[in-house]
């Protein structure tokens, strides 16, 4: 039984990482959170009126096609930057039940698969992503709670009011619950994107804004995490976030300027 406290909020939780077992196979709460996030994201996707010439069935078909590559990508990204450990524990590479999925790897592989699917189906790629990215954000928000049940993705020690108390090797420490910060921020991103979706100015606006906002929060969150994936002495996800932020920001800015210029001329 695991114990997690939030002293500043006077809360304490006791739980097992395992939700239940099926034929002797343990089903972890981490996996349930991810699946629940996908289901809720799909629900909002289905009821959305801003489909931009897409249909829900195509989104569902693309998700099914992209799901396995996204999981593989998320795992490969994690394993690659934990090579020293997994090179000595090869069989553990295939054990996903305990966690170890890196969101950026999933986004990259899922993105590539979805682009290929759109091209084969002759769908407008920007319209497709502008339709789905808000629901990716809410799926991330819910899925992040899997880190809570796995007691992972936390930050450095702190006395901040939202600090989380955990036991690591029988030693009690209070740390930043960075998974909770990201969950809250991606929920806010979901609401922002949904509002802008209703008044989209140009193709790609919602997609670029998602990448800009998400990478922005990851820059700061990665800075206080203690389990960041490292490349030499650099936090790889933080570096990637900085690159994505500036690229998406400048592309979005140029598109906005061009859009305003065209509106003025008309």
C-alpha atoms as a PDB file:
ATOM      1  CA  UNK A   1       0.000   0.000   0.000  1.00  0.00           C
ATOM      2  CA  UNK A   2       1.387   3.398  -1.004  1.00  0.00           C
ATOM      3  CA  UNK A   3       0.906   6.605   0.961  1.00  0.00           C
ATOM      4  CA  UNK A   4       0.861  10.042  -0.664  1.00  0.00           C
ATOM      5  CA  UNK A   5       0.260  13.219   1.322  1.00  0.00           C
ATOM      6  CA  UNK A   6      -0.489  16.821   0.471  1.00  0.00           C
ATOM      7  CA  UNK A   7       0.423  18.477   3.799  1.00  0.00           C
ATOM      8  CA  UNK A   8      -0.444  21.997   2.658  1.00  0.00           C
ATOM      9  CA  UNK A   9      -3.972  20.837   1.813  1.00  0.00           C
ATOM     10  CA  UNK A  10      -4.251  18.433   4.753  1.00  0.00           C
ATOM     11  CA  UNK A  11      -4.871  15.461   2.446  1.00  0.00           C
ATOM     12  CA  UNK A  12      -3.610  11.903   2.602  1.00  0.00           C
ATOM     13  CA  UNK A  13      -4.173   9.051   0.140  1.00  0.00           C
ATOM     14  CA  UNK A  14      -3.500   5.345   0.578  1.00  0.00           C
ATOM     15  CA  UNK A  15      -3.702   3.150  -2.488  1.00  0.00           C
ATOM     16  CA  UNK A  16      -2.247   0.305  -4.492  1.00  0.00           C
ATOM     17  CA  UNK A  17      -0.802   0.805  -7.954  1.00  0.00           C
ATOM     18  CA  UNK A  18      -2.827  -2.202  -9.119  1.00  0.00           C
ATOM     19  CA  UNK A  19      -6.511  -1.645  -9.900  1.00  0.00           C
ATOM     20  CA  UNK A  20      -7.468  -5.308 -10.372  1.00  0.00           C
ATOM     21  CA  UNK A  21      -6.261  -8.561 -11.908  1.00  0.00           C
ATOM     22  CA  UNK A  22      -7.590 -10.487 -14.899  1.00  0.00           C
ATOM     23  CA  UNK A  23      -6.523 -14.136 -15.171  1.00  0.00           C
ATOM     24  CA  UNK A  24      -3.515 -13.363 -12.998  1.00  0.00           C
ATOM     25  CA  UNK A  25      -2.505 -10.309 -15.042  1.00  0.00           C
ATOM     26  CA  UNK A  26      -2.338  -7.100 -13.019  1.00  0.00           C
ATOM     27  CA  UNK A  27      -4.092  -4.078 -14.499  1.00  0.00           C
ATOM     28  CA  UNK A  28      -2.437  -0.915 -13.241  1.00  0.00           C
ATOM     29  CA  UNK A  29      -4.206   2.342 -12.447  1.00  0.00           C
ATOM     30  CA  UNK A  30      -1.593   4.066 -14.621  1.00  0.00           C
ATOM     31  CA  UNK A  31      -3.001   2.294 -17.697  1.00  0.00           C
ATOM     32  CA  UNK A  32      -6.595   3.001 -16.672  1.00  0.00           C
ATOM     33  CA  UNK A  33      -5.863   6.743 -16.454  1.00  0.00           C
ATOM     34  CA  UNK A  34      -4.392   6.747 -19.963  1.00  0.00           C
ATOM     35  CA  UNK A  35      -7.340   4.805 -21.407  1.00  0.00           C
ATOM     36  CA  UNK A  36      -9.814   7.042 -19.557  1.00  0.00           C
ATOM     37  CA  UNK A  37      -8.093  10.123 -20.962  1.00  0.00           C
ATOM     38  CA  UNK A  38      -8.402   8.762 -24.506  1.00  0.00           C
ATOM     39  CA  UNK A  39     -12.093   7.904 -24.022  1.00  0.00           C
ATOM     40  CA  UNK A  40     -12.979  11.349 -22.634  1.00  0.00           C
ATOM     41  CA  UNK A  41     -10.940  13.039 -25.379  1.00  0.00           C
ATOM     42  CA  UNK A  42     -12.871  11.046 -27.997  1.00  0.00           C
ATOM     43  CA  UNK A  43     -16.185  11.972 -26.359  1.00  0.00           C
ATOM     44  CA  UNK A  44     -15.468  15.696 -26.617  1.00  0.00           C
ATOM     45  CA  UNK A  45     -14.159  15.161 -30.128  1.00  0.00           C
ATOM     46  CA  UNK A  46     -17.427  13.499 -31.152  1.00  0.00           C
ATOM     47  CA  UNK A  47     -19.694  16.256 -29.814  1.00  0.00           C
ATOM     48  CA  UNK A  48     -17.539  19.085 -31.185  1.00  0.00           C
ATOM     49  CA  UNK A  49     -19.163  21.191 -33.906  1.00  0.00           C
ATOM     50  CA  UNK A  50     -15.833  22.553 -35.171  1.00  0.00           C
ATOM     51  CA  UNK A  51     -14.865  19.636 -37.393  1.00  0.00           C
ATOM     52  CA  UNK A  52     -13.324  21.613 -40.290  1.00  0.00           C
ATOM     53  CA  UNK A  53     -14.521  19.267 -43.057  1.00  0.00           C
ATOM     54  CA  UNK A  54     -13.526  16.176 -41.043  1.00  0.00           C
ATOM     55  CA  UNK A  55     -15.772  13.501 -39.632  1.00  0.00           C
ATOM     56  CA  UNK A  56     -15.560  11.686 -36.323  1.00  0.00           C
ATOM     57  CA  UNK A  57     -15.309   8.244 -37.917  1.00  0.00           C
ATOM     58  CA  UNK A  58     -12.125   9.276 -39.713  1.00  0.00           C
ATOM     59  CA  UNK A  59     -10.685  10.587 -36.427  1.00  0.00           C
ATOM     60  CA  UNK A  60     -11.524   7.301 -34.704  1.00  0.00           C
ATOM     61  CA  UNK A  61      -9.984   5.311 -37.552  1.00  0.00           C
ATOM     62  CA  UNK A  62      -6.849   7.472 -37.464  1.00  0.00           C
ATOM     63  CA  UNK A  63      -6.579   7.115 -33.684  1.00  0.00           C
ATOM     64  CA  UNK A  64      -6.739   3.336 -33.921  1.00  0.00           C
ATOM     65  CA  UNK A  65      -4.096   3.414 -36.664  1.00  0.00           C
ATOM     66  CA  UNK A  66      -1.860   5.795 -34.687  1.00  0.00           C
ATOM     67  CA  UNK A  67      -2.286   4.278 -31.231  1.00  0.00           C
ATOM     68  CA  UNK A  68       0.263   1.471 -31.470  1.00  0.00           C
ATOM     69  CA  UNK A  69       2.933   3.624 -33.208  1.00  0.00           C
ATOM     70  CA  UNK A  70       2.357   6.331 -30.560  1.00  0.00           C
ATOM     71  CA  UNK A  71       2.826   3.848 -27.704  1.00  0.00           C
ATOM     72  CA  UNK A  72       5.921   2.426 -29.403  1.00  0.00           C
ATOM     73  CA  UNK A  73       7.288   5.935 -29.920  1.00  0.00           C
ATOM     74  CA  UNK A  74       6.603   6.938 -26.319  1.00  0.00           C
ATOM     75  CA  UNK A  75       8.357   3.808 -25.069  1.00  0.00           C
ATOM     76  CA  UNK A  76      11.318   4.095 -27.452  1.00  0.00           C
ATOM     77  CA  UNK A  77      11.862   7.720 -26.442  1.00  0.00           C
ATOM     78  CA  UNK A  78      11.886   6.718 -22.777  1.00  0.00           C
ATOM     79  CA  UNK A  79      14.092   3.670 -23.294  1.00  0.00           C
ATOM     80  CA  UNK A  80      16.538   5.535 -25.536  1.00  0.00           C
ATOM     81  CA  UNK A  81      17.300   8.100 -22.849  1.00  0.00           C
ATOM     82  CA  UNK A  82      17.462   5.408 -20.184  1.00  0.00           C
ATOM     83  CA  UNK A  83      19.745   3.225 -22.276  1.00  0.00           C
ATOM     84  CA  UNK A  84      22.167   2.358 -19.480  1.00  0.00           C
ATOM     85  CA  UNK A  85      19.388   0.757 -17.446  1.00  0.00           C
ATOM     86  CA  UNK A  86      17.475  -1.004 -20.216  1.00  0.00           C
ATOM     87  CA  UNK A  87      20.608  -2.324 -21.915  1.00  0.00           C
ATOM     88  CA  UNK A  88      21.054  -4.432 -18.772  1.00  0.00           C
ATOM     89  CA  UNK A  89      17.336  -5.207 -18.348  1.00  0.00           C
ATOM     90  CA  UNK A  90      16.212  -5.848 -21.918  1.00  0.00           C
ATOM     91  CA  UNK A  91      13.029  -7.755 -21.065  1.00  0.00           C
ATOM     92  CA  UNK A  92      11.743  -4.795 -19.039  1.00  0.00           C
ATOM     93  CA  UNK A  93      11.549  -2.764 -22.241  1.00  0.00           C
ATOM     94  CA  UNK A  94       8.320  -4.599 -23.019  1.00  0.00           C
ATOM     95  CA  UNK A  95       6.736  -4.117 -19.583  1.00  0.00           C
ATOM     96  CA  UNK A  96       4.555  -1.020 -19.944  1.00  0.00           C
ATOM     97  CA  UNK A  97       2.284  -1.679 -16.994  1.00  0.00           C
ATOM     98  CA  UNK A  98       4.544   0.112 -14.529  1.00  0.00           C
ATOM     99  CA  UNK A  99       4.884   3.251 -16.625  1.00  0.00           C
ATOM    100  CA  UNK A 100       7.783   4.576 -18.655  1.00  0.00           C
ATOM    101  CA  UNK A 101       6.095   6.354 -21.560  1.00  0.00           C
ATOM    102  CA  UNK A 102       7.465   9.709 -22.728  1.00  0.00           C
ATOM    103  CA  UNK A 103       4.763  11.987 -24.137  1.00  0.00           C
ATOM    104  CA  UNK A 104       7.008  13.597 -26.751  1.00  0.00           C
ATOM    105  CA  UNK A 105       7.862  10.224 -28.274  1.00  0.00           C
ATOM    106  CA  UNK A 106       4.156   9.430 -28.477  1.00  0.00           C
ATOM    107  CA  UNK A 107       3.349  12.786 -30.073  1.00  0.00           C
ATOM    108  CA  UNK A 108       6.115  12.439 -32.684  1.00  0.00           C
ATOM    109  CA  UNK A 109       5.204   8.899 -33.766  1.00  0.00           C
ATOM    110  CA  UNK A 110       1.467   9.572 -33.550  1.00  0.00           C
ATOM    111  CA  UNK A 111       1.892  12.761 -35.578  1.00  0.00           C
ATOM    112  CA  UNK A 112       3.824  11.012 -38.344  1.00  0.00           C
ATOM    113  CA  UNK A 113       1.269   8.182 -38.539  1.00  0.00           C
ATOM    114  CA  UNK A 114      -1.662  10.610 -38.645  1.00  0.00           C
ATOM    115  CA  UNK A 115      -0.012  12.691 -41.409  1.00  0.00           C
ATOM    116  CA  UNK A 116       0.517   9.554 -43.520  1.00  0.00           C
ATOM    117  CA  UNK A 117      -3.107   8.556 -42.903  1.00  0.00           C
ATOM    118  CA  UNK A 118      -4.367  12.015 -43.916  1.00  0.00           C
ATOM    119  CA  UNK A 119      -2.296  12.011 -47.092  1.00  0.00           C
ATOM    120  CA  UNK A 120      -3.545   8.564 -48.122  1.00  0.00           C
ATOM    121  CA  UNK A 121      -7.144   9.611 -47.438  1.00  0.00           C
ATOM    122  CA  UNK A 122      -6.622  12.994 -49.155  1.00  0.00           C
ATOM    123  CA  UNK A 123      -7.604  14.883 -46.014  1.00  0.00           C
ATOM    124  CA  UNK A 124      -6.358  18.380 -45.242  1.00  0.00           C
ATOM    125  CA  UNK A 125      -3.663  17.813 -42.601  1.00  0.00           C
ATOM    126  CA  UNK A 126      -3.974  21.199 -40.884  1.00  0.00           C
ATOM    127  CA  UNK A 127      -7.766  20.963 -40.746  1.00  0.00           C
ATOM    128  CA  UNK A 128      -7.450  17.512 -39.197  1.00  0.00           C
ATOM    129  CA  UNK A 129      -5.041  18.577 -36.463  1.00  0.00           C
ATOM    130  CA  UNK A 130      -6.947  21.796 -35.748  1.00  0.00           C
ATOM    131  CA  UNK A 131      -9.956  19.574 -35.083  1.00  0.00           C
ATOM    132  CA  UNK A 132      -8.298  17.095 -32.712  1.00  0.00           C
ATOM    133  CA  UNK A 133      -5.545  18.887 -30.738  1.00  0.00           C
ATOM    134  CA  UNK A 134      -7.828  20.381 -28.047  1.00  0.00           C
ATOM    135  CA  UNK A 135      -8.965  16.857 -27.233  1.00  0.00           C
ATOM    136  CA  UNK A 136      -5.376  15.641 -27.151  1.00  0.00           C
ATOM    137  CA  UNK A 137      -4.828  18.252 -24.422  1.00  0.00           C
ATOM    138  CA  UNK A 138      -7.679  17.009 -22.223  1.00  0.00           C
ATOM    139  CA  UNK A 139      -6.590  13.396 -22.757  1.00  0.00           C
ATOM    140  CA  UNK A 140      -3.117  14.405 -21.535  1.00  0.00           C
ATOM    141  CA  UNK A 141      -4.632  16.185 -18.530  1.00  0.00           C
ATOM    142  CA  UNK A 142      -6.448  13.050 -17.397  1.00  0.00           C
ATOM    143  CA  UNK A 143      -3.706  10.625 -18.379  1.00  0.00           C
ATOM    144  CA  UNK A 144      -1.168  12.488 -16.222  1.00  0.00           C
ATOM    145  CA  UNK A 145      -2.902  11.185 -13.103  1.00  0.00           C
ATOM    146  CA  UNK A 146      -1.396   7.820 -13.967  1.00  0.00           C
ATOM    147  CA  UNK A 147       1.870   9.319 -12.697  1.00  0.00           C
ATOM    148  CA  UNK A 148       0.179   9.980  -9.363  1.00  0.00           C
ATOM    149  CA  UNK A 149      -0.711   6.325  -8.909  1.00  0.00           C
ATOM    150  CA  UNK A 150       2.780   5.275 -10.009  1.00  0.00           C
ATOM    151  CA  UNK A 151       4.342   7.905  -7.726  1.00  0.00           C
ATOM    152  CA  UNK A 152       6.547   9.243 -10.513  1.00  0.00           C
ATOM    153  CA  UNK A 153       7.115  12.378 -12.589  1.00  0.00           C
ATOM    154  CA  UNK A 154       7.552  14.481  -9.466  1.00  0.00           C
ATOM    155  CA  UNK A 155       9.900  17.390  -8.896  1.00  0.00           C
ATOM    156  CA  UNK A 156      12.530  18.556  -6.460  1.00  0.00           C
ATOM    157  CA  UNK A 157      11.907  19.057  -2.740  1.00  0.00           C
ATOM    158  CA  UNK A 158       9.867  22.102  -1.765  1.00  0.00           C
ATOM    159  CA  UNK A 159       7.719  23.683   0.945  1.00  0.00           C
ATOM    160  CA  UNK A 160       5.205  25.029  -1.587  1.00  0.00           C
ATOM    161  CA  UNK A 161       1.585  24.753  -0.448  1.00  0.00           C
ATOM    162  CA  UNK A 162       0.816  22.135  -3.129  1.00  0.00           C
ATOM    163  CA  UNK A 163       3.813  20.005  -2.140  1.00  0.00           C
ATOM    164  CA  UNK A 164       3.388  16.237  -2.197  1.00  0.00           C
ATOM    165  CA  UNK A 165       4.742  14.020   0.568  1.00  0.00           C
ATOM    166  CA  UNK A 166       6.012  10.612  -0.534  1.00  0.00           C
ATOM    167  CA  UNK A 167       8.169   7.801   0.820  1.00  0.00           C
ATOM    168  CA  UNK A 168      11.235   6.924  -1.246  1.00  0.00           C
ATOM    169  CA  UNK A 169      13.226   3.983   0.105  1.00  0.00           C
ATOM    170  CA  UNK A 170      11.502   4.483   3.482  1.00  0.00           C
ATOM    171  CA  UNK A 171      12.553   8.128   3.576  1.00  0.00           C
ATOM    172  CA  UNK A 172       9.814  10.764   3.671  1.00  0.00           C
ATOM    173  CA  UNK A 173      10.283  13.769   1.385  1.00  0.00           C
ATOM    174  CA  UNK A 174       8.023  16.596   0.169  1.00  0.00           C
ATOM    175  CA  UNK A 175       8.292  17.417  -3.517  1.00  0.00           C
ATOM    176  CA  UNK A 176       6.670  19.344  -6.351  1.00  0.00           C
ATOM    177  CA  UNK A 177       3.796  17.265  -7.848  1.00  0.00           C
ATOM    178  CA  UNK A 178       4.838  18.187 -11.378  1.00  0.00           C
ATOM    179  CA  UNK A 179       2.364  15.715 -12.894  1.00  0.00           C
ATOM    180  CA  UNK A 180      -0.406  17.726 -11.180  1.00  0.00           C
ATOM    181  CA  UNK A 181       0.970  21.010 -12.541  1.00  0.00           C
ATOM    182  CA  UNK A 182       0.997  19.599 -16.050  1.00  0.00           C
ATOM    183  CA  UNK A 183      -2.473  18.106 -15.649  1.00  0.00           C
ATOM    184  CA  UNK A 184      -3.881  21.480 -14.593  1.00  0.00           C
ATOM    185  CA  UNK A 185      -2.044  23.384 -17.341  1.00  0.00           C
ATOM    186  CA  UNK A 186      -3.144  21.023 -20.126  1.00  0.00           C
ATOM    187  CA  UNK A 187      -6.731  21.348 -18.881  1.00  0.00           C
ATOM    188  CA  UNK A 188      -6.404  25.138 -19.228  1.00  0.00           C
ATOM    189  CA  UNK A 189      -4.913  24.639 -22.702  1.00  0.00           C
ATOM    190  CA  UNK A 190      -7.963  22.536 -23.605  1.00  0.00           C
ATOM    191  CA  UNK A 191     -10.337  25.352 -22.649  1.00  0.00           C
ATOM    192  CA  UNK A 192      -8.245  27.989 -24.459  1.00  0.00           C
ATOM    193  CA  UNK A 193      -8.120  25.941 -27.660  1.00  0.00           C
ATOM    194  CA  UNK A 194     -11.849  25.196 -27.530  1.00  0.00           C
ATOM    195  CA  UNK A 195     -12.621  28.917 -27.303  1.00  0.00           C
ATOM    196  CA  UNK A 196     -10.312  29.767 -30.208  1.00  0.00           C
ATOM    197  CA  UNK A 197     -11.626  26.810 -32.222  1.00  0.00           C
ATOM    198  CA  UNK A 198     -14.957  28.600 -32.538  1.00  0.00           C
ATOM    199  CA  UNK A 199     -13.291  31.589 -34.237  1.00  0.00           C
ATOM    200  CA  UNK A 200     -10.338  30.094 -36.094  1.00  0.00           C
ATOM    201  CA  UNK A 201      -8.629  32.661 -38.340  1.00  0.00           C
ATOM    202  CA  UNK A 202      -6.504  30.346 -40.498  1.00  0.00           C
ATOM    203  CA  UNK A 203      -5.598  26.704 -40.973  1.00  0.00           C
ATOM    204  CA  UNK A 204      -3.062  25.488 -38.478  1.00  0.00           C
ATOM    205  CA  UNK A 205      -3.826  28.159 -35.876  1.00  0.00           C
ATOM    206  CA  UNK A 206      -5.132  25.722 -33.255  1.00  0.00           C
ATOM    207  CA  UNK A 207      -2.327  23.233 -33.890  1.00  0.00           C
ATOM    208  CA  UNK A 208       0.425  25.835 -33.633  1.00  0.00           C
ATOM    209  CA  UNK A 209      -1.123  27.293 -30.495  1.00  0.00           C
ATOM    210  CA  UNK A 210      -1.261  23.855 -28.888  1.00  0.00           C
ATOM    211  CA  UNK A 211       2.422  23.207 -29.574  1.00  0.00           C
ATOM    212  CA  UNK A 212       3.378  26.692 -28.384  1.00  0.00           C
ATOM    213  CA  UNK A 213       1.406  26.502 -25.127  1.00  0.00           C
ATOM    214  CA  UNK A 214       2.271  22.911 -24.274  1.00  0.00           C
ATOM    215  CA  UNK A 215       5.990  23.333 -24.973  1.00  0.00           C
ATOM    216  CA  UNK A 216       5.966  26.539 -22.910  1.00  0.00           C
ATOM    217  CA  UNK A 217       4.677  24.805 -19.779  1.00  0.00           C
ATOM    218  CA  UNK A 218       7.023  21.855 -20.298  1.00  0.00           C
ATOM    219  CA  UNK A 219      10.041  24.185 -20.346  1.00  0.00           C
ATOM    220  CA  UNK A 220       9.345  25.176 -16.740  1.00  0.00           C
ATOM    221  CA  UNK A 221       7.994  21.857 -15.480  1.00  0.00           C
ATOM    222  CA  UNK A 222      11.017  19.953 -16.799  1.00  0.00           C
ATOM    223  CA  UNK A 223      13.220  22.419 -14.970  1.00  0.00           C
ATOM    224  CA  UNK A 224      12.024  21.187 -11.568  1.00  0.00           C
ATOM    225  CA  UNK A 225      11.557  17.470 -12.308  1.00  0.00           C
ATOM    226  CA  UNK A 226      14.001  15.005 -10.807  1.00  0.00           C
ATOM    227  CA  UNK A 227      13.395  12.222 -13.326  1.00  0.00           C
ATOM    228  CA  UNK A 228      13.939  14.126 -16.563  1.00  0.00           C
ATOM    229  CA  UNK A 229      15.353  12.132 -19.449  1.00  0.00           C
ATOM    230  CA  UNK A 230      18.917  13.318 -19.928  1.00  0.00           C
ATOM    231  CA  UNK A 231      21.215  13.652 -22.922  1.00  0.00           C
ATOM    232  CA  UNK A 232      24.666  14.131 -21.441  1.00  0.00           C
ATOM    233  CA  UNK A 233      23.947  16.895 -18.889  1.00  0.00           C
ATOM    234  CA  UNK A 234      20.931  18.352 -20.691  1.00  0.00           C
ATOM    235  CA  UNK A 235      17.243  17.707 -20.065  1.00  0.00           C
ATOM    236  CA  UNK A 236      16.253  16.448 -23.491  1.00  0.00           C
ATOM    237  CA  UNK A 237      12.530  17.235 -23.169  1.00  0.00           C
ATOM    238  CA  UNK A 238      13.342  20.760 -22.022  1.00  0.00           C
ATOM    239  CA  UNK A 239      15.591  21.343 -25.030  1.00  0.00           C
ATOM    240  CA  UNK A 240      12.943  19.936 -27.359  1.00  0.00           C
ATOM    241  CA  UNK A 241      10.304  22.114 -25.679  1.00  0.00           C
ATOM    242  CA  UNK A 242      12.380  25.262 -26.223  1.00  0.00           C
ATOM    243  CA  UNK A 243      12.826  24.432 -29.913  1.00  0.00           C
ATOM    244  CA  UNK A 244       9.124  23.640 -30.406  1.00  0.00           C
ATOM    245  CA  UNK A 245       8.071  26.781 -28.557  1.00  0.00           C
ATOM    246  CA  UNK A 246      10.133  29.192 -30.640  1.00  0.00           C
ATOM    247  CA  UNK A 247       9.356  27.493 -33.961  1.00  0.00           C
ATOM    248  CA  UNK A 248       5.599  27.388 -33.305  1.00  0.00           C
ATOM    249  CA  UNK A 249       5.641  30.932 -31.879  1.00  0.00           C
ATOM    250  CA  UNK A 250       7.333  32.501 -34.906  1.00  0.00           C
ATOM    251  CA  UNK A 251       5.276  30.507 -37.422  1.00  0.00           C
ATOM    252  CA  UNK A 252       2.086  31.470 -35.577  1.00  0.00           C
ATOM    253  CA  UNK A 253       3.181  35.107 -35.446  1.00  0.00           C
ATOM    254  CA  UNK A 254       3.950  35.214 -39.174  1.00  0.00           C
ATOM    255  CA  UNK A 255       0.581  33.606 -39.949  1.00  0.00           C
ATOM    256  CA  UNK A 256      -1.221  36.136 -37.732  1.00  0.00           C
ATOM    257  CA  UNK A 257       0.553  39.060 -39.426  1.00  0.00           C
ATOM    258  CA  UNK A 258      -0.252  37.671 -42.865  1.00  0.00           C
ATOM    259  CA  UNK A 259      -3.880  37.117 -41.885  1.00  0.00           C
ATOM    260  CA  UNK A 260      -4.249  40.684 -40.572  1.00  0.00           C
ATOM    261  CA  UNK A 261      -2.576  42.086 -43.659  1.00  0.00           C
ATOM    262  CA  UNK A 262      -5.012  40.245 -45.906  1.00  0.00           C
ATOM    263  CA  UNK A 263      -7.964  41.456 -43.822  1.00  0.00           C
ATOM    264  CA  UNK A 264      -6.737  45.063 -44.111  1.00  0.00           C
ATOM    265  CA  UNK A 265      -6.312  44.793 -47.876  1.00  0.00           C
ATOM    266  CA  UNK A 266      -9.817  43.402 -48.240  1.00  0.00           C
END
